[in-house]
Amino acid sequence: THNIHHAYPIGDVFTMLNRGRSLGTFRRSEITEKEVLDMMAGGREIRELQQELERFTKPGSGVEAAAS
């Protein structure tokens, strides 16, 4: 299911998939609902993208000149 609010209260074990790849199998006692949501929403990938964007948009990176 994609609805964590239905699954988390009744599930004992969760296997997280992303694009057909397993991100891991976790017992409910090993992972919080917030961590499950973060994995479902691609939290790690979003944070990595934000860091990359910040790195390339800092003054002196050359990106601001190309954008003008």
N, C-alpha and C. Protein backbone atom coordinates (compact mmCIF):
# COMPACT_ATOMS: atom_id res chain seq x y z
N THR A 1 0.83 -1.18 0.00
CA THR A 1 0.00 0.00 0.00
C THR A 1 0.88 1.24 0.00
N HIS A 2 0.32 2.32 -0.45
CA HIS A 2 1.00 3.62 -0.39
C HIS A 2 0.47 4.45 0.77
N ASN A 3 -0.43 3.89 1.55
CA ASN A 3 -1.02 4.63 2.66
C ASN A 3 -0.43 4.15 3.98
N ILE A 4 0.57 4.86 4.44
CA ILE A 4 1.26 4.47 5.67
C ILE A 4 0.33 4.53 6.87
N HIS A 5 -0.65 5.42 6.83
CA HIS A 5 -1.57 5.57 7.96
C HIS A 5 -2.45 4.33 8.15
N HIS A 6 -2.65 3.57 7.10
CA HIS A 6 -3.39 2.31 7.21
C HIS A 6 -2.46 1.16 7.58
N ALA A 7 -1.27 1.14 7.01
CA ALA A 7 -0.37 0.00 7.16
C ALA A 7 0.42 0.00 8.47
N TYR A 8 0.92 1.14 8.87
CA TYR A 8 1.83 1.18 10.03
C TYR A 8 1.20 0.66 11.32
N PRO A 9 -0.02 1.04 11.65
CA PRO A 9 -0.60 0.57 12.91
C PRO A 9 -0.81 -0.95 12.99
N ILE A 10 -0.98 -1.60 11.84
CA ILE A 10 -1.29 -3.03 11.88
C ILE A 10 -0.17 -3.93 11.37
N GLY A 11 0.83 -3.34 10.70
CA GLY A 11 1.91 -4.14 10.15
C GLY A 11 2.96 -4.49 11.19
N ASP A 12 3.55 -5.66 11.04
CA ASP A 12 4.65 -6.08 11.91
C ASP A 12 6.00 -5.87 11.23
N VAL A 13 6.02 -6.11 9.90
CA VAL A 13 7.25 -6.03 9.12
C VAL A 13 6.93 -5.26 7.84
N PHE A 14 7.84 -4.38 7.45
CA PHE A 14 7.66 -3.56 6.26
C PHE A 14 8.83 -3.77 5.32
N THR A 15 8.54 -4.04 4.06
CA THR A 15 9.57 -4.09 3.03
C THR A 15 9.35 -2.87 2.15
N MET A 16 10.37 -2.04 2.08
CA MET A 16 10.28 -0.80 1.32
C MET A 16 10.88 -1.02 -0.06
N LEU A 17 10.13 -0.66 -1.09
CA LEU A 17 10.58 -0.78 -2.47
C LEU A 17 10.60 0.61 -3.10
N ASN A 18 11.56 0.81 -3.99
CA ASN A 18 11.63 2.04 -4.76
C ASN A 18 12.08 1.67 -6.16
N ARG A 19 11.20 1.89 -7.12
CA ARG A 19 11.49 1.55 -8.52
C ARG A 19 11.91 0.10 -8.69
N GLY A 20 11.24 -0.78 -7.97
CA GLY A 20 11.50 -2.20 -8.08
C GLY A 20 12.69 -2.71 -7.28
N ARG A 21 13.37 -1.82 -6.58
CA ARG A 21 14.52 -2.22 -5.78
C ARG A 21 14.15 -2.17 -4.30
N SER A 22 14.62 -3.14 -3.57
CA SER A 22 14.35 -3.19 -2.14
C SER A 22 15.25 -2.20 -1.40
N LEU A 23 14.62 -1.37 -0.59
CA LEU A 23 15.37 -0.45 0.27
C LEU A 23 15.64 -1.08 1.62
N GLY A 24 14.98 -2.21 1.85
CA GLY A 24 15.19 -2.92 3.11
C GLY A 24 13.89 -3.44 3.68
N THR A 25 14.03 -4.35 4.61
CA THR A 25 12.90 -4.91 5.34
C THR A 25 13.11 -4.57 6.81
N PHE A 26 12.08 -4.02 7.43
CA PHE A 26 12.20 -3.51 8.80
C PHE A 26 11.04 -3.99 9.66
N ARG A 27 11.34 -4.36 10.88
CA ARG A 27 10.29 -4.63 11.86
C ARG A 27 9.79 -3.27 12.34
N ARG A 28 8.52 -3.22 12.73
CA ARG A 28 7.95 -1.95 13.17
C ARG A 28 8.76 -1.36 14.32
N SER A 29 9.32 -2.20 15.18
CA SER A 29 10.11 -1.71 16.31
C SER A 29 11.44 -1.09 15.88
N GLU A 30 11.84 -1.31 14.62
CA GLU A 30 13.12 -0.81 14.12
C GLU A 30 13.00 0.50 13.33
N ILE A 31 11.77 0.90 13.00
CA ILE A 31 11.60 2.05 12.12
C ILE A 31 10.36 2.83 12.54
N THR A 32 10.48 4.14 12.53
CA THR A 32 9.34 4.97 12.91
C THR A 32 8.45 5.24 11.70
N GLU A 33 7.25 5.67 11.97
CA GLU A 33 6.34 6.03 10.88
C GLU A 33 6.94 7.17 10.05
N LYS A 34 7.59 8.12 10.70
CA LYS A 34 8.23 9.22 9.98
C LYS A 34 9.34 8.71 9.06
N GLU A 35 10.13 7.75 9.52
CA GLU A 35 11.20 7.19 8.69
C GLU A 35 10.61 6.46 7.48
N VAL A 36 9.51 5.75 7.68
CA VAL A 36 8.84 5.07 6.56
C VAL A 36 8.37 6.11 5.56
N LEU A 37 7.73 7.17 6.04
CA LEU A 37 7.26 8.24 5.15
C LEU A 37 8.42 8.87 4.39
N ASP A 38 9.53 9.08 5.07
CA ASP A 38 10.70 9.67 4.44
C ASP A 38 11.21 8.78 3.31
N MET A 39 11.25 7.49 3.54
CA MET A 39 11.69 6.55 2.50
C MET A 39 10.71 6.53 1.34
N MET A 40 9.42 6.58 1.65
CA MET A 40 8.40 6.55 0.60
C MET A 40 8.46 7.80 -0.27
N ALA A 41 8.77 8.92 0.35
CA ALA A 41 8.78 10.20 -0.37
C ALA A 41 10.12 10.50 -1.03
N GLY A 42 11.08 9.60 -0.90
CA GLY A 42 12.39 9.83 -1.49
C GLY A 42 13.19 10.87 -0.74
N GLY A 43 13.04 10.90 0.57
CA GLY A 43 13.69 11.91 1.39
C GLY A 43 15.19 12.01 1.19
N ARG A 44 15.87 10.89 1.13
CA ARG A 44 17.33 10.92 0.95
C ARG A 44 17.69 11.54 -0.39
N GLU A 45 16.99 11.14 -1.46
CA GLU A 45 17.28 11.68 -2.78
C GLU A 45 17.01 13.17 -2.83
N ILE A 46 15.94 13.61 -2.17
CA ILE A 46 15.62 15.04 -2.15
C ILE A 46 16.70 15.82 -1.42
N ARG A 47 17.16 15.31 -0.29
CA ARG A 47 18.23 15.99 0.45
C ARG A 47 19.51 16.07 -0.38
N GLU A 48 19.85 14.98 -1.09
CA GLU A 48 21.04 14.98 -1.94
C GLU A 48 20.91 16.01 -3.05
N LEU A 49 19.73 16.09 -3.66
CA LEU A 49 19.49 17.06 -4.72
C LEU A 49 19.59 18.49 -4.18
N GLN A 50 19.03 18.73 -3.00
CA GLN A 50 19.12 20.07 -2.39
C GLN A 50 20.58 20.46 -2.16
N GLN A 51 21.38 19.53 -1.65
CA GLN A 51 22.80 19.82 -1.41
C GLN A 51 23.52 20.13 -2.71
N GLU A 52 23.20 19.37 -3.75
CA GLU A 52 23.85 19.60 -5.04
C GLU A 52 23.45 20.96 -5.60
N LEU A 53 22.17 21.30 -5.51
CA LEU A 53 21.71 22.61 -5.99
C LEU A 53 22.36 23.74 -5.22
N GLU A 54 22.47 23.59 -3.90
CA GLU A 54 23.11 24.62 -3.08
C GLU A 54 24.58 24.79 -3.47
N ARG A 55 25.24 23.69 -3.75
CA ARG A 55 26.65 23.74 -4.12
C ARG A 55 26.84 24.50 -5.43
N PHE A 56 25.95 24.30 -6.39
CA PHE A 56 26.09 24.92 -7.69
C PHE A 56 25.52 26.33 -7.77
N THR A 57 24.79 26.75 -6.78
CA THR A 57 24.21 28.10 -6.83
C THR A 57 24.87 29.05 -5.84
N LYS A 58 25.97 28.62 -5.22
CA LYS A 58 26.73 29.51 -4.33
C LYS A 58 27.44 30.55 -5.19
N PRO A 59 27.57 31.77 -4.65
CA PRO A 59 28.32 32.80 -5.39
C PRO A 59 29.71 32.30 -5.77
N GLY A 60 30.09 32.58 -7.01
CA GLY A 60 31.40 32.15 -7.48
C GLY A 60 31.40 30.80 -8.16
N SER A 61 30.24 30.14 -8.21
CA SER A 61 30.19 28.81 -8.84
C SER A 61 30.11 28.92 -10.35
N GLY A 62 29.81 30.12 -10.87
CA GLY A 62 29.70 30.29 -12.31
C GLY A 62 28.29 30.10 -12.81
N VAL A 63 27.42 29.53 -12.00
CA VAL A 63 26.05 29.26 -12.44
C VAL A 63 25.27 30.55 -12.57
N GLU A 64 25.46 31.51 -11.63
CA GLU A 64 24.69 32.73 -11.68
C GLU A 64 25.02 33.54 -12.94
N ALA A 65 26.25 33.48 -13.42
CA ALA A 65 26.61 34.20 -14.64
C ALA A 65 25.94 33.57 -15.85
N ALA A 66 25.85 32.26 -15.86
CA ALA A 66 25.23 31.56 -16.98
C ALA A 66 23.73 31.79 -17.00
N ALA A 67 23.15 32.03 -15.83
CA ALA A 67 21.70 32.21 -15.75
C ALA A 67 21.29 33.63 -16.13
N SER A 68 22.23 34.60 -16.14
CA SER A 68 21.85 35.98 -16.44
C SER A 68 21.73 36.22 -17.92
